[in-house]
Amino acid sequence: MVIEAHWLLPPELMEPAWQVYREAFEELRTRAVQRHVMLRGEFDEQMRDARIRKYVVRDPSDGRMLALATLTNDLGAMPLVSPDYFEYRWPALYAERRIWYCGFYAIHPEHQGSATFVRLVTEMRAVIAPGIAVMDFCGRNEEVRRMPQVVRTILARQGDVRPERLDAQAYWSYEFPAAS
């Protein structure tokens, strides 16, 4: 597999990137309360945002896109995180722009469980270290797929890593059954 890094996704990669992203996250459309899947316009905007680095994984035999991931140390580029939190928590690292947010890892369903994810995490770690990588996982990916532990295992093979859960948000429902 070949990994390319782009600050601006080339126009000819927009449609294949959208297809990989959409298919990779299809399950979360109905399995997560919070919308974890960007709309097409939001996706296109991120792909054109030069503050966000895009990692494209291709099959070397035919050039087909297998995966896509994003990474930024400009926390203002990510609409759902609070730069103030990170500046308060780690002022020196924040000032040095050594706090990185991994927006998503989209692995095409045919390649989930392959070495693709490991290669992407390894490639991105080389940019981040020394520093802090921040990722968010919905409850399903945390509890069912155990993604925080998977990432920790990958990173621990490459050296010292200290994971910490930073925050959580829970969604509750209150059902009102019909009177009997």
Protein backbone atom coordinates (compact mmCIF):
# COMPACT_ATOMS: atom_id res chain seq x y z
CA MET A 1 0.00 0.00 0.00
CA VAL A 2 1.07 3.57 -0.70
CA ILE A 3 0.38 6.43 1.73
CA GLU A 4 0.25 10.00 0.46
CA ALA A 5 -0.16 13.14 2.58
CA HIS A 6 -1.96 16.18 1.18
CA TRP A 7 -2.78 19.57 2.67
CA LEU A 8 -5.38 20.06 -0.07
CA LEU A 9 -6.98 16.97 -1.52
CA PRO A 10 -6.57 17.03 -5.31
CA PRO A 11 -9.92 17.46 -7.12
CA GLU A 12 -9.62 14.07 -8.84
CA LEU A 13 -9.51 12.37 -5.42
CA MET A 14 -12.62 14.06 -4.00
CA GLU A 15 -15.15 11.51 -5.27
CA PRO A 16 -13.10 8.40 -4.39
CA ALA A 17 -12.38 9.91 -0.96
CA TRP A 18 -16.08 10.58 -0.36
CA GLN A 19 -16.94 7.01 -1.35
CA VAL A 20 -14.37 5.52 1.04
CA TYR A 21 -15.49 7.83 3.85
CA ARG A 22 -19.19 7.16 3.29
CA GLU A 23 -18.79 3.39 3.12
CA ALA A 24 -16.41 3.25 6.10
CA PHE A 25 -18.85 5.08 8.37
CA GLU A 26 -22.16 3.79 7.02
CA GLU A 27 -22.82 1.72 10.15
CA LEU A 28 -22.54 4.76 12.43
CA ARG A 29 -25.43 6.49 10.69
CA THR A 30 -27.79 4.21 12.63
CA ARG A 31 -25.61 3.06 15.55
CA ALA A 32 -24.52 6.37 17.13
CA VAL A 33 -26.79 9.05 18.60
CA GLN A 34 -24.48 11.93 17.74
CA ARG A 35 -23.98 12.43 14.04
CA HIS A 36 -20.46 11.12 13.46
CA VAL A 37 -20.75 11.11 9.69
CA MET A 38 -20.20 14.40 7.89
CA LEU A 39 -22.56 15.57 5.20
CA ARG A 40 -21.08 15.87 1.73
CA GLY A 41 -20.66 19.65 1.94
CA GLU A 42 -18.88 19.37 5.30
CA PHE A 43 -16.64 16.65 3.94
CA ASP A 44 -15.72 18.68 0.86
CA GLU A 45 -14.96 21.68 3.06
CA GLN A 46 -12.55 19.64 5.19
CA MET A 47 -10.85 18.21 2.13
CA ARG A 48 -10.24 21.78 0.90
CA ASP A 49 -9.10 23.09 4.31
CA ALA A 50 -5.31 23.54 4.17
CA ARG A 51 -5.09 23.43 7.99
CA ILE A 52 -6.03 19.75 7.93
CA ARG A 53 -3.60 17.16 6.59
CA LYS A 54 -5.21 14.34 4.63
CA TYR A 55 -3.68 10.88 4.46
CA VAL A 56 -4.68 8.81 1.45
CA VAL A 57 -3.91 5.10 1.28
CA ARG A 58 -3.91 3.52 -2.17
CA ASP A 59 -3.47 0.09 -3.60
CA PRO A 60 -0.18 0.25 -5.57
CA SER A 61 -1.42 -2.21 -8.18
CA ASP A 62 -4.39 -0.18 -9.41
CA GLY A 63 -4.27 3.15 -7.52
CA ARG A 64 -7.63 2.47 -5.87
CA MET A 65 -8.19 4.38 -2.61
CA LEU A 66 -8.34 2.08 0.41
CA ALA A 67 -8.43 4.56 3.27
CA LEU A 68 -8.46 8.22 4.23
CA ALA A 69 -7.57 9.96 7.49
CA THR A 70 -7.21 13.53 8.72
CA LEU A 71 -4.85 15.19 11.19
CA THR A 72 -4.38 18.77 12.36
CA ASN A 73 -2.56 20.75 15.00
CA ASP A 74 -4.83 23.75 14.35
CA LEU A 75 -7.57 22.76 16.77
CA GLY A 76 -9.75 25.62 15.53
CA ALA A 77 -10.16 23.66 12.30
CA MET A 78 -12.22 21.03 14.13
CA PRO A 79 -15.71 22.32 14.89
CA LEU A 80 -16.52 19.88 17.70
CA VAL A 81 -13.46 20.36 19.94
CA SER A 82 -12.66 23.23 22.28
CA PRO A 83 -9.21 24.76 21.69
CA ASP A 84 -9.65 26.51 25.07
CA TYR A 85 -9.70 23.12 26.82
CA PHE A 86 -6.36 22.13 25.34
CA GLU A 87 -4.76 25.52 25.91
CA TYR A 88 -5.81 25.39 29.57
CA ARG A 89 -4.80 21.75 30.09
CA TRP A 90 -1.46 21.80 28.25
CA PRO A 91 -0.46 25.46 27.77
CA ALA A 92 3.13 24.83 26.64
CA LEU A 93 2.23 22.06 24.17
CA TYR A 94 -0.67 24.13 22.88
CA ALA A 95 1.58 27.16 22.31
CA GLU A 96 4.10 24.92 20.49
CA ARG A 97 1.27 23.40 18.36
CA ARG A 98 2.19 19.92 19.55
CA ILE A 99 -1.39 18.83 20.22
CA TRP A 100 -2.82 17.02 17.21
CA TYR A 101 -6.41 16.06 16.55
CA CYS A 102 -7.11 12.99 14.44
CA GLY A 103 -10.41 13.85 12.80
CA PHE A 104 -11.15 10.40 11.43
CA TYR A 105 -9.71 7.18 10.09
CA ALA A 106 -11.91 5.91 7.26
CA ILE A 107 -10.90 2.43 6.16
CA HIS A 108 -12.95 0.97 3.31
CA PRO A 109 -14.95 -1.99 4.67
CA GLU A 110 -13.06 -4.44 2.44
CA HIS A 111 -9.81 -3.43 4.18
CA GLN A 112 -10.95 -3.12 7.78
CA GLY A 113 -8.98 -5.56 9.89
CA SER A 114 -6.02 -5.39 7.51
CA ALA A 115 -2.69 -3.66 8.12
CA THR A 116 -4.08 -0.43 6.65
CA PHE A 117 -5.11 1.06 10.00
CA VAL A 118 -1.79 0.12 11.61
CA ARG A 119 0.14 1.78 8.77
CA LEU A 120 -1.95 4.96 9.04
CA VAL A 121 -1.53 5.21 12.81
CA THR A 122 2.22 4.62 12.44
CA GLU A 123 2.56 7.25 9.71
CA MET A 124 0.65 9.83 11.73
CA ARG A 125 2.54 9.06 14.96
CA ALA A 126 5.76 10.03 13.19
CA VAL A 127 4.33 13.53 12.68
CA ILE A 128 2.84 13.85 16.17
CA ALA A 129 5.63 12.56 18.43
CA PRO A 130 6.74 14.11 20.63
CA GLY A 131 3.36 15.58 21.39
CA ILE A 132 -0.21 14.58 22.06
CA ALA A 133 -2.68 12.88 19.74
CA VAL A 134 -6.37 13.30 20.49
CA MET A 135 -9.08 11.10 19.00
CA ASP A 136 -12.75 10.70 19.71
CA PHE A 137 -14.66 7.45 19.62
CA CYS A 138 -18.39 6.98 19.79
CA GLY A 139 -19.67 4.52 22.40
CA ARG A 140 -20.04 1.74 19.82
CA ASN A 141 -16.42 2.03 18.67
CA GLU A 142 -15.24 2.25 22.26
CA GLU A 143 -17.29 -0.60 23.70
CA VAL A 144 -17.83 -2.99 20.79
CA ARG A 145 -14.77 -2.46 18.62
CA ARG A 146 -12.54 -1.42 21.57
CA MET A 147 -10.78 1.17 19.40
CA PRO A 148 -8.97 2.99 22.25
CA GLN A 149 -7.29 -0.30 23.21
CA VAL A 150 -6.51 -1.13 19.58
CA VAL A 151 -4.83 2.26 19.08
CA ARG A 152 -2.92 1.88 22.36
CA THR A 153 -1.63 -1.54 21.30
CA ILE A 154 -0.45 -0.19 17.94
CA LEU A 155 1.27 2.81 19.55
CA ALA A 156 2.83 0.78 22.39
CA ARG A 157 4.65 -1.37 19.82
CA GLN A 158 6.38 1.81 18.66
CA GLY A 159 7.46 3.13 22.06
CA ASP A 160 6.16 4.64 25.25
CA VAL A 161 2.57 5.90 25.17
CA ARG A 162 0.33 7.08 28.01
CA PRO A 163 -3.36 6.99 27.08
CA GLU A 164 -5.94 8.93 29.07
CA ARG A 165 -9.66 9.29 28.59
CA LEU A 166 -10.27 13.02 28.48
CA ASP A 167 -14.04 13.35 28.40
CA ALA A 168 -17.28 11.56 27.62
CA GLN A 169 -20.79 12.51 26.68
CA ALA A 170 -23.75 10.27 27.37
CA TYR A 171 -27.13 10.39 25.71
CA TRP A 172 -30.13 9.34 27.76
CA SER A 173 -33.73 8.76 26.76
CA TYR A 174 -36.78 9.05 28.98
CA GLU A 175 -39.66 7.04 27.54
CA PHE A 176 -43.23 7.77 28.48
CA PRO A 177 -45.25 4.58 27.91
CA ALA A 178 -48.97 4.78 27.26
CA ALA A 179 -51.14 4.68 30.34
CA SER A 180 -52.68 1.29 31.06
